[in-house]
Amino acid sequence: MAPNFLMLVCIFIILASGAKLYVNAVNLTLVNLCKETIWPGIITHNNNPGEGFTLKMGQTALYNVPDGWSGRIWARTGCSFDKNGGNASSKCQTGDCGPSVNCTSPGNLPVTIAELTLGVGGLIDYYDVSLVDGFNVPIVVKPANGKGNCSTAGCDGDLRDTCPSELAVKSNGTVTACRSSCDVFNTDEYCCRGTYLDPVTCLPTNYSSAFKQACPGASSYAGDILTVTCSSTEYIVAFCALR
């Protein structure tokens, strides 16, 4: 993971436009260490309207959420929003979630997802990074302070460099994302459903093992549960924090 990652968090503080402020809250600090502009997408698990914003290379945004918040965060890449934040023809190369900078749906596959469920009143938080829906950019989640296990979760390798050809998504000859085997082949074995739903039969495959090799700290398939527990008032979500 990049050694200057925490230093960048301290240097580049740019508040995301439209962020809400809550009295009893947790701060999510989103850091863009990618070599391009990204558009973080945020969807809550209670089906509230999604949110999103622009995050240029090297920038950081503070996103404030209430106690009890549960949702997912991902990066959109290659977006074409107009100066007003989108129009009917706007779209993103990866992670698209509607024709607006504010998401109206979960991100289109394939996409790397950070998932957080925050306890109320300082109770236990749960977080993980999932490759079950594929990969588009590296993401790591780390508490800035906290009590409990509080380890770093996520993917700090770039699967686009090693993506199997049958899973690769390309644009102009360049791999922009890596699909999951479930998304490509849609079989019970790869999707851990039907007779493969049981934890005993939901096993890693050659494809999920390749994901795991690149990103040992992220969930690589449906039966690979790597949820971290912690209690903290601030989490850092870093995009493209490569080792």
C-alpha atoms as a PDB file:
ATOM      1  CA  MET A   1       0.000   0.000   0.000  1.00  0.00           C
ATOM      2  CA  ALA A   2       1.331   3.472  -0.830  1.00  0.00           C
ATOM      3  CA  PRO A   3       3.282   4.836   2.209  1.00  0.00           C
ATOM      4  CA  ASN A   4       2.089   8.413   1.619  1.00  0.00           C
ATOM      5  CA  PHE A   5      -1.575   7.400   1.795  1.00  0.00           C
ATOM      6  CA  LEU A   6      -2.272   8.769   5.310  1.00  0.00           C
ATOM      7  CA  MET A   7      -0.192  11.859   4.599  1.00  0.00           C
ATOM      8  CA  LEU A   8      -2.359  12.642   1.590  1.00  0.00           C
ATOM      9  CA  VAL A   9      -5.427  12.360   3.794  1.00  0.00           C
ATOM     10  CA  CYS A  10      -4.036  15.100   6.019  1.00  0.00           C
ATOM     11  CA  ILE A  11      -2.975  17.393   3.169  1.00  0.00           C
ATOM     12  CA  PHE A  12      -5.839  17.335   0.688  1.00  0.00           C
ATOM     13  CA  ILE A  13      -9.160  17.994   2.486  1.00  0.00           C
ATOM     14  CA  ILE A  14     -11.860  19.047   0.051  1.00  0.00           C
ATOM     15  CA  LEU A  15     -15.450  18.799   1.240  1.00  0.00           C
ATOM     16  CA  ALA A  16     -17.792  16.988  -1.100  1.00  0.00           C
ATOM     17  CA  SER A  17     -20.520  19.265  -2.393  1.00  0.00           C
ATOM     18  CA  GLY A  18     -23.919  18.637  -0.884  1.00  0.00           C
ATOM     19  CA  ALA A  19     -22.648  16.481   1.996  1.00  0.00           C
ATOM     20  CA  LYS A  20     -25.035  16.375   4.955  1.00  0.00           C
ATOM     21  CA  LEU A  21     -23.845  17.031   8.517  1.00  0.00           C
ATOM     22  CA  TYR A  22     -25.165  14.920  11.386  1.00  0.00           C
ATOM     23  CA  VAL A  23     -24.800  15.482  15.136  1.00  0.00           C
ATOM     24  CA  ASN A  24     -24.125  11.803  15.915  1.00  0.00           C
ATOM     25  CA  ALA A  25     -22.070  10.848  12.925  1.00  0.00           C
ATOM     26  CA  VAL A  26     -19.169   8.981  11.416  1.00  0.00           C
ATOM     27  CA  ASN A  27     -16.811  10.667   8.963  1.00  0.00           C
ATOM     28  CA  LEU A  28     -15.880   8.790   5.797  1.00  0.00           C
ATOM     29  CA  THR A  29     -12.768  10.278   4.206  1.00  0.00           C
ATOM     30  CA  LEU A  30     -12.607   9.356   0.517  1.00  0.00           C
ATOM     31  CA  VAL A  31      -9.150   9.626  -1.058  1.00  0.00           C
ATOM     32  CA  ASN A  32      -8.436   9.483  -4.798  1.00  0.00           C
ATOM     33  CA  LEU A  33      -4.926   8.089  -5.374  1.00  0.00           C
ATOM     34  CA  CYS A  34      -5.797   7.027  -8.929  1.00  0.00           C
ATOM     35  CA  LYS A  35      -4.078   8.583 -11.940  1.00  0.00           C
ATOM     36  CA  GLU A  36      -7.409   9.909 -13.174  1.00  0.00           C
ATOM     37  CA  THR A  37     -10.562  11.626 -12.002  1.00  0.00           C
ATOM     38  CA  ILE A  38     -13.128   9.299 -10.456  1.00  0.00           C
ATOM     39  CA  TRP A  39     -16.756   9.820  -9.458  1.00  0.00           C
ATOM     40  CA  PRO A  40     -17.490   8.001  -6.172  1.00  0.00           C
ATOM     41  CA  GLY A  41     -20.951   6.483  -6.040  1.00  0.00           C
ATOM     42  CA  ILE A  42     -22.745   5.969  -2.720  1.00  0.00           C
ATOM     43  CA  ILE A  43     -25.911   3.946  -2.142  1.00  0.00           C
ATOM     44  CA  THR A  44     -27.523   3.292   1.245  1.00  0.00           C
ATOM     45  CA  HIS A  45     -29.046  -0.090   2.037  1.00  0.00           C
ATOM     46  CA  ASN A  46     -32.418   1.408   2.975  1.00  0.00           C
ATOM     47  CA  ASN A  47     -33.056   2.344  -0.675  1.00  0.00           C
ATOM     48  CA  ASN A  48     -32.703   6.093  -0.136  1.00  0.00           C
ATOM     49  CA  PRO A  49     -31.671   8.053  -3.255  1.00  0.00           C
ATOM     50  CA  GLY A  50     -28.001   7.625  -4.040  1.00  0.00           C
ATOM     51  CA  GLU A  51     -25.328  10.287  -3.977  1.00  0.00           C
ATOM     52  CA  GLY A  52     -22.135  11.011  -5.839  1.00  0.00           C
ATOM     53  CA  PHE A  53     -19.583  13.663  -6.693  1.00  0.00           C
ATOM     54  CA  THR A  54     -16.412  14.346  -8.647  1.00  0.00           C
ATOM     55  CA  LEU A  55     -13.071  13.528  -7.042  1.00  0.00           C
ATOM     56  CA  LYS A  56     -10.055  14.620  -9.033  1.00  0.00           C
ATOM     57  CA  MET A  57      -6.644  12.965  -8.909  1.00  0.00           C
ATOM     58  CA  GLY A  58      -5.007  13.600  -5.512  1.00  0.00           C
ATOM     59  CA  GLN A  59      -8.135  15.035  -3.925  1.00  0.00           C
ATOM     60  CA  THR A  60      -9.920  13.992  -0.730  1.00  0.00           C
ATOM     61  CA  ALA A  61     -13.560  14.400   0.279  1.00  0.00           C
ATOM     62  CA  LEU A  62     -15.133  14.216   3.714  1.00  0.00           C
ATOM     63  CA  TYR A  63     -18.489  12.428   3.626  1.00  0.00           C
ATOM     64  CA  ASN A  64     -20.532  12.582   6.828  1.00  0.00           C
ATOM     65  CA  VAL A  65     -23.025   9.779   7.641  1.00  0.00           C
ATOM     66  CA  PRO A  66     -25.283   9.207  10.670  1.00  0.00           C
ATOM     67  CA  ASP A  67     -24.919   6.497  13.297  1.00  0.00           C
ATOM     68  CA  GLY A  68     -26.507   3.319  11.998  1.00  0.00           C
ATOM     69  CA  TRP A  69     -25.673   4.057   8.360  1.00  0.00           C
ATOM     70  CA  SER A  70     -25.265   1.058   6.083  1.00  0.00           C
ATOM     71  CA  GLY A  71     -24.311   1.236   2.437  1.00  0.00           C
ATOM     72  CA  ARG A  72     -21.831   0.707  -0.337  1.00  0.00           C
ATOM     73  CA  ILE A  73     -19.239   2.933  -1.990  1.00  0.00           C
ATOM     74  CA  TRP A  74     -17.496   2.453  -5.325  1.00  0.00           C
ATOM     75  CA  ALA A  75     -15.640   4.419  -7.987  1.00  0.00           C
ATOM     76  CA  ARG A  76     -17.046   5.350 -11.372  1.00  0.00           C
ATOM     77  CA  THR A  77     -14.494   5.931 -14.118  1.00  0.00           C
ATOM     78  CA  GLY A  78     -14.593   7.564 -17.540  1.00  0.00           C
ATOM     79  CA  CYS A  79     -17.777   9.563 -16.887  1.00  0.00           C
ATOM     80  CA  SER A  80     -19.203  12.163 -19.285  1.00  0.00           C
ATOM     81  CA  PHE A  81     -21.356  14.455 -17.138  1.00  0.00           C
ATOM     82  CA  ASP A  82     -22.125  17.973 -18.345  1.00  0.00           C
ATOM     83  CA  LYS A  83     -21.496  21.095 -16.245  1.00  0.00           C
ATOM     84  CA  ASN A  84     -24.847  20.616 -14.506  1.00  0.00           C
ATOM     85  CA  GLY A  85     -23.980  17.116 -13.324  1.00  0.00           C
ATOM     86  CA  GLY A  86     -25.452  14.997 -16.082  1.00  0.00           C
ATOM     87  CA  ASN A  87     -28.070  14.594 -18.769  1.00  0.00           C
ATOM     88  CA  ALA A  88     -30.031  11.786 -20.381  1.00  0.00           C
ATOM     89  CA  SER A  89     -27.040  10.654 -22.434  1.00  0.00           C
ATOM     90  CA  SER A  90     -24.451  10.828 -19.631  1.00  0.00           C
ATOM     91  CA  LYS A  91     -22.718   7.586 -18.761  1.00  0.00           C
ATOM     92  CA  CYS A  92     -19.573   6.185 -17.162  1.00  0.00           C
ATOM     93  CA  GLN A  93     -17.156   3.649 -18.575  1.00  0.00           C
ATOM     94  CA  THR A  94     -17.288   1.585 -15.345  1.00  0.00           C
ATOM     95  CA  GLY A  95     -19.555   1.672 -12.289  1.00  0.00           C
ATOM     96  CA  ASP A  96     -22.325   3.626 -14.025  1.00  0.00           C
ATOM     97  CA  CYS A  97     -25.343   4.282 -11.772  1.00  0.00           C
ATOM     98  CA  GLY A  98     -27.626   6.530 -13.829  1.00  0.00           C
ATOM     99  CA  PRO A  99     -27.472   9.683 -15.979  1.00  0.00           C
ATOM    100  CA  SER A 100     -26.486  11.974 -13.113  1.00  0.00           C
ATOM    101  CA  VAL A 101     -23.538  12.616 -10.813  1.00  0.00           C
ATOM    102  CA  ASN A 102     -25.930  11.505  -8.042  1.00  0.00           C
ATOM    103  CA  CYS A 103     -26.522   7.754  -8.314  1.00  0.00           C
ATOM    104  CA  THR A 104     -30.036   6.501  -8.965  1.00  0.00           C
ATOM    105  CA  SER A 105     -29.143   2.793  -8.906  1.00  0.00           C
ATOM    106  CA  PRO A 106     -26.310   0.482  -7.743  1.00  0.00           C
ATOM    107  CA  GLY A 107     -23.190   0.574  -9.890  1.00  0.00           C
ATOM    108  CA  ASN A 108     -23.224  -1.466 -13.087  1.00  0.00           C
ATOM    109  CA  LEU A 109     -21.016  -4.551 -12.992  1.00  0.00           C
ATOM    110  CA  PRO A 110     -18.127  -5.096 -12.866  1.00  0.00           C
ATOM    111  CA  VAL A 111     -17.231  -2.882  -9.915  1.00  0.00           C
ATOM    112  CA  THR A 112     -15.145  -3.054  -6.724  1.00  0.00           C
ATOM    113  CA  ILE A 113     -17.387  -2.324  -3.729  1.00  0.00           C
ATOM    114  CA  ALA A 114     -16.637  -1.079  -0.211  1.00  0.00           C
ATOM    115  CA  GLU A 115     -19.441  -2.086   2.169  1.00  0.00           C
ATOM    116  CA  LEU A 116     -19.906  -0.505   5.605  1.00  0.00           C
ATOM    117  CA  THR A 117     -22.499  -1.011   8.344  1.00  0.00           C
ATOM    118  CA  LEU A 118     -21.966   1.413  11.214  1.00  0.00           C
ATOM    119  CA  GLY A 119     -23.177   0.742  14.741  1.00  0.00           C
ATOM    120  CA  VAL A 120     -25.344   3.179  16.676  1.00  0.00           C
ATOM    121  CA  GLY A 121     -23.879   4.973  19.691  1.00  0.00           C
ATOM    122  CA  GLY A 122     -20.352   3.634  19.317  1.00  0.00           C
ATOM    123  CA  LEU A 123     -21.378  -0.014  18.916  1.00  0.00           C
ATOM    124  CA  ILE A 124     -19.548  -2.378  16.574  1.00  0.00           C
ATOM    125  CA  ASP A 125     -19.066  -1.402  12.915  1.00  0.00           C
ATOM    126  CA  TYR A 126     -18.666  -3.909  10.091  1.00  0.00           C
ATOM    127  CA  TYR A 127     -16.826  -3.294   6.826  1.00  0.00           C
ATOM    128  CA  ASP A 128     -15.357  -5.172   3.894  1.00  0.00           C
ATOM    129  CA  VAL A 129     -14.330  -4.780   0.264  1.00  0.00           C
ATOM    130  CA  SER A 130     -15.981  -7.136  -2.210  1.00  0.00           C
ATOM    131  CA  LEU A 131     -14.882  -8.445  -5.606  1.00  0.00           C
ATOM    132  CA  VAL A 132     -17.963 -10.670  -5.848  1.00  0.00           C
ATOM    133  CA  ASP A 133     -19.355  -8.279  -8.485  1.00  0.00           C
ATOM    134  CA  GLY A 134     -16.007  -7.917 -10.256  1.00  0.00           C
ATOM    135  CA  PHE A 135     -13.270  -5.263 -10.189  1.00  0.00           C
ATOM    136  CA  ASN A 136     -12.718  -1.830 -11.664  1.00  0.00           C
ATOM    137  CA  VAL A 137     -10.279   0.002  -9.330  1.00  0.00           C
ATOM    138  CA  PRO A 138      -8.424  -0.924  -6.130  1.00  0.00           C
ATOM    139  CA  ILE A 139     -10.146   0.131  -2.867  1.00  0.00           C
ATOM    140  CA  VAL A 140      -9.024  -0.150   0.757  1.00  0.00           C
ATOM    141  CA  VAL A 141     -10.962   0.737   3.922  1.00  0.00           C
ATOM    142  CA  LYS A 142      -9.124   1.640   7.110  1.00  0.00           C
ATOM    143  CA  PRO A 143     -10.291   3.199  10.400  1.00  0.00           C
ATOM    144  CA  ALA A 144      -8.408   6.369  11.323  1.00  0.00           C
ATOM    145  CA  ASN A 145      -8.787   5.358  14.972  1.00  0.00           C
ATOM    146  CA  GLY A 146     -10.916   2.826  16.754  1.00  0.00           C
ATOM    147  CA  LYS A 147     -11.364  -0.059  19.138  1.00  0.00           C
ATOM    148  CA  GLY A 148     -11.436  -3.712  18.205  1.00  0.00           C
ATOM    149  CA  ASN A 149      -9.808  -5.600  15.346  1.00  0.00           C
ATOM    150  CA  CYS A 150      -9.791  -2.453  13.168  1.00  0.00           C
ATOM    151  CA  SER A 151      -7.573  -3.937  10.471  1.00  0.00           C
ATOM    152  CA  THR A 152      -7.380  -2.705   6.903  1.00  0.00           C
ATOM    153  CA  ALA A 153      -9.794  -4.347   4.471  1.00  0.00           C
ATOM    154  CA  GLY A 154      -9.639  -4.239   0.731  1.00  0.00           C
ATOM    155  CA  CYS A 155      -7.865  -4.727  -2.520  1.00  0.00           C
ATOM    156  CA  ASP A 156      -4.543  -2.924  -3.003  1.00  0.00           C
ATOM    157  CA  GLY A 157      -3.597  -4.871  -6.125  1.00  0.00           C
ATOM    158  CA  ASP A 158      -4.737  -4.072  -9.661  1.00  0.00           C
ATOM    159  CA  LEU A 159      -6.672  -6.967 -11.174  1.00  0.00           C
ATOM    160  CA  ARG A 160      -6.748  -5.241 -14.535  1.00  0.00           C
ATOM    161  CA  ASP A 161      -3.098  -6.270 -14.941  1.00  0.00           C
ATOM    162  CA  THR A 162      -3.796  -9.994 -14.423  1.00  0.00           C
ATOM    163  CA  CYS A 163      -7.461 -10.376 -15.399  1.00  0.00           C
ATOM    164  CA  PRO A 164      -8.155 -13.636 -17.287  1.00  0.00           C
ATOM    165  CA  SER A 165      -8.936 -12.812 -20.912  1.00  0.00           C
ATOM    166  CA  GLU A 166     -12.434 -14.322 -20.717  1.00  0.00           C
ATOM    167  CA  LEU A 167     -13.331 -11.957 -17.854  1.00  0.00           C
ATOM    168  CA  ALA A 168     -11.660  -8.810 -19.189  1.00  0.00           C
ATOM    169  CA  VAL A 169     -13.622  -5.689 -20.164  1.00  0.00           C
ATOM    170  CA  LYS A 170     -11.703  -3.633 -22.716  1.00  0.00           C
ATOM    171  CA  SER A 171     -11.913  -0.163 -24.231  1.00  0.00           C
ATOM    172  CA  ASN A 172      -9.661   0.675 -27.185  1.00  0.00           C
ATOM    173  CA  GLY A 173      -7.570  -2.390 -26.395  1.00  0.00           C
ATOM    174  CA  THR A 174      -7.032  -1.480 -22.723  1.00  0.00           C
ATOM    175  CA  VAL A 175      -8.494  -3.551 -19.876  1.00  0.00           C
ATOM    176  CA  THR A 176     -10.752  -1.204 -17.901  1.00  0.00           C
ATOM    177  CA  ALA A 177     -12.368  -3.773 -15.572  1.00  0.00           C
ATOM    178  CA  CYS A 178     -12.507  -7.467 -14.726  1.00  0.00           C
ATOM    179  CA  ARG A 179     -15.855  -9.292 -14.542  1.00  0.00           C
ATOM    180  CA  SER A 180     -16.645 -11.989 -11.999  1.00  0.00           C
ATOM    181  CA  SER A 181     -16.978 -15.579 -13.188  1.00  0.00           C
ATOM    182  CA  CYS A 182     -20.603 -15.544 -11.969  1.00  0.00           C
ATOM    183  CA  ASP A 183     -21.357 -12.523 -14.157  1.00  0.00           C
ATOM    184  CA  VAL A 184     -19.715 -14.098 -17.212  1.00  0.00           C
ATOM    185  CA  PHE A 185     -20.786 -17.753 -16.984  1.00  0.00           C
ATOM    186  CA  ASN A 186     -23.923 -17.459 -14.784  1.00  0.00           C
ATOM    187  CA  THR A 187     -23.722 -21.016 -13.435  1.00  0.00           C
ATOM    188  CA  ASP A 188     -24.718 -22.289 -10.004  1.00  0.00           C
ATOM    189  CA  GLU A 189     -21.140 -23.291  -9.245  1.00  0.00           C
ATOM    190  CA  TYR A 190     -19.642 -19.883  -9.999  1.00  0.00           C
ATOM    191  CA  CYS A 191     -22.556 -17.990  -8.402  1.00  0.00           C
ATOM    192  CA  CYS A 192     -22.833 -20.182  -5.259  1.00  0.00           C
ATOM    193  CA  ARG A 193     -26.529 -20.915  -5.708  1.00  0.00           C
ATOM    194  CA  GLY A 194     -28.741 -23.983  -6.043  1.00  0.00           C
ATOM    195  CA  THR A 195     -26.810 -27.044  -4.863  1.00  0.00           C
ATOM    196  CA  TYR A 196     -23.759 -24.771  -4.389  1.00  0.00           C
ATOM    197  CA  LEU A 197     -25.519 -22.425  -1.958  1.00  0.00           C
ATOM    198  CA  ASP A 198     -24.319 -24.321   1.113  1.00  0.00           C
ATOM    199  CA  PRO A 199     -20.982 -23.106   2.609  1.00  0.00           C
ATOM    200  CA  VAL A 200     -19.669 -26.664   2.235  1.00  0.00           C
ATOM    201  CA  THR A 201     -20.228 -26.669  -1.543  1.00  0.00           C
ATOM    202  CA  CYS A 202     -19.646 -22.956  -2.239  1.00  0.00           C
ATOM    203  CA  LEU A 203     -15.924 -23.236  -2.885  1.00  0.00           C
ATOM    204  CA  PRO A 204     -13.223 -21.128  -4.551  1.00  0.00           C
ATOM    205  CA  THR A 205     -12.648 -21.614  -8.272  1.00  0.00           C
ATOM    206  CA  ASN A 206      -9.652 -20.933 -10.471  1.00  0.00           C
ATOM    207  CA  TYR A 207     -11.101 -17.487 -11.207  1.00  0.00           C
ATOM    208  CA  SER A 208     -11.809 -16.519  -7.594  1.00  0.00           C
ATOM    209  CA  SER A 209      -8.370 -17.832  -6.633  1.00  0.00           C
ATOM    210  CA  ALA A 210      -6.826 -15.458  -9.173  1.00  0.00           C
ATOM    211  CA  PHE A 211      -8.806 -12.609  -7.579  1.00  0.00           C
ATOM    212  CA  LYS A 212      -7.636 -13.702  -4.121  1.00  0.00           C
ATOM    213  CA  GLN A 213      -4.007 -13.826  -5.197  1.00  0.00           C
ATOM    214  CA  ALA A 214      -4.159 -10.207  -6.375  1.00  0.00           C
ATOM    215  CA  CYS A 215      -6.311  -9.003  -3.470  1.00  0.00           C
ATOM    216  CA  PRO A 216      -5.990 -11.225  -0.373  1.00  0.00           C
ATOM    217  CA  GLY A 217      -7.790  -8.659   1.814  1.00  0.00           C
ATOM    218  CA  ALA A 218     -10.997  -8.608  -0.241  1.00  0.00           C
ATOM    219  CA  SER A 219     -13.862 -11.091  -0.628  1.00  0.00           C
ATOM    220  CA  SER A 220     -13.242 -12.960  -3.878  1.00  0.00           C
ATOM    221  CA  TYR A 221     -16.494 -14.974  -4.209  1.00  0.00           C
ATOM    222  CA  ALA A 222     -19.829 -15.315  -2.411  1.00  0.00           C
ATOM    223  CA  GLY A 223     -18.539 -17.810   0.168  1.00  0.00           C
ATOM    224  CA  ASP A 224     -15.409 -15.808   0.980  1.00  0.00           C
ATOM    225  CA  ILE A 225     -16.521 -13.675   3.947  1.00  0.00           C
ATOM    226  CA  LEU A 226     -13.855 -11.210   5.130  1.00  0.00           C
ATOM    227  CA  THR A 227     -15.873  -8.733   7.199  1.00  0.00           C
ATOM    228  CA  VAL A 228     -13.825  -6.701   9.688  1.00  0.00           C
ATOM    229  CA  THR A 229     -15.275  -5.487  13.006  1.00  0.00           C
ATOM    230  CA  CYS A 230     -14.287  -2.238  14.674  1.00  0.00           C
ATOM    231  CA  SER A 231     -15.705   0.758  16.541  1.00  0.00           C
ATOM    232  CA  SER A 232     -14.589   4.121  15.176  1.00  0.00           C
ATOM    233  CA  THR A 233     -15.803   7.629  14.356  1.00  0.00           C
ATOM    234  CA  GLU A 234     -13.782   7.908  11.129  1.00  0.00           C
ATOM    235  CA  TYR A 235     -12.964   5.595   8.244  1.00  0.00           C
ATOM    236  CA  ILE A 236     -10.698   6.199   5.263  1.00  0.00           C
ATOM    237  CA  VAL A 237     -11.804   4.825   1.898  1.00  0.00           C
ATOM    238  CA  ALA A 238      -8.864   5.054  -0.496  1.00  0.00           C
ATOM    239  CA  PHE A 239      -9.098   4.399  -4.229  1.00  0.00           C
ATOM    240  CA  CYS A 240      -5.994   3.044  -6.011  1.00  0.00           C
ATOM    241  CA  ALA A 241      -3.843   2.808  -2.868  1.00  0.00           C
ATOM    242  CA  LEU A 242      -1.511   0.277  -4.467  1.00  0.00           C
ATOM    243  CA  ARG A 243       1.103  -1.710  -2.585  1.00  0.00           C
END
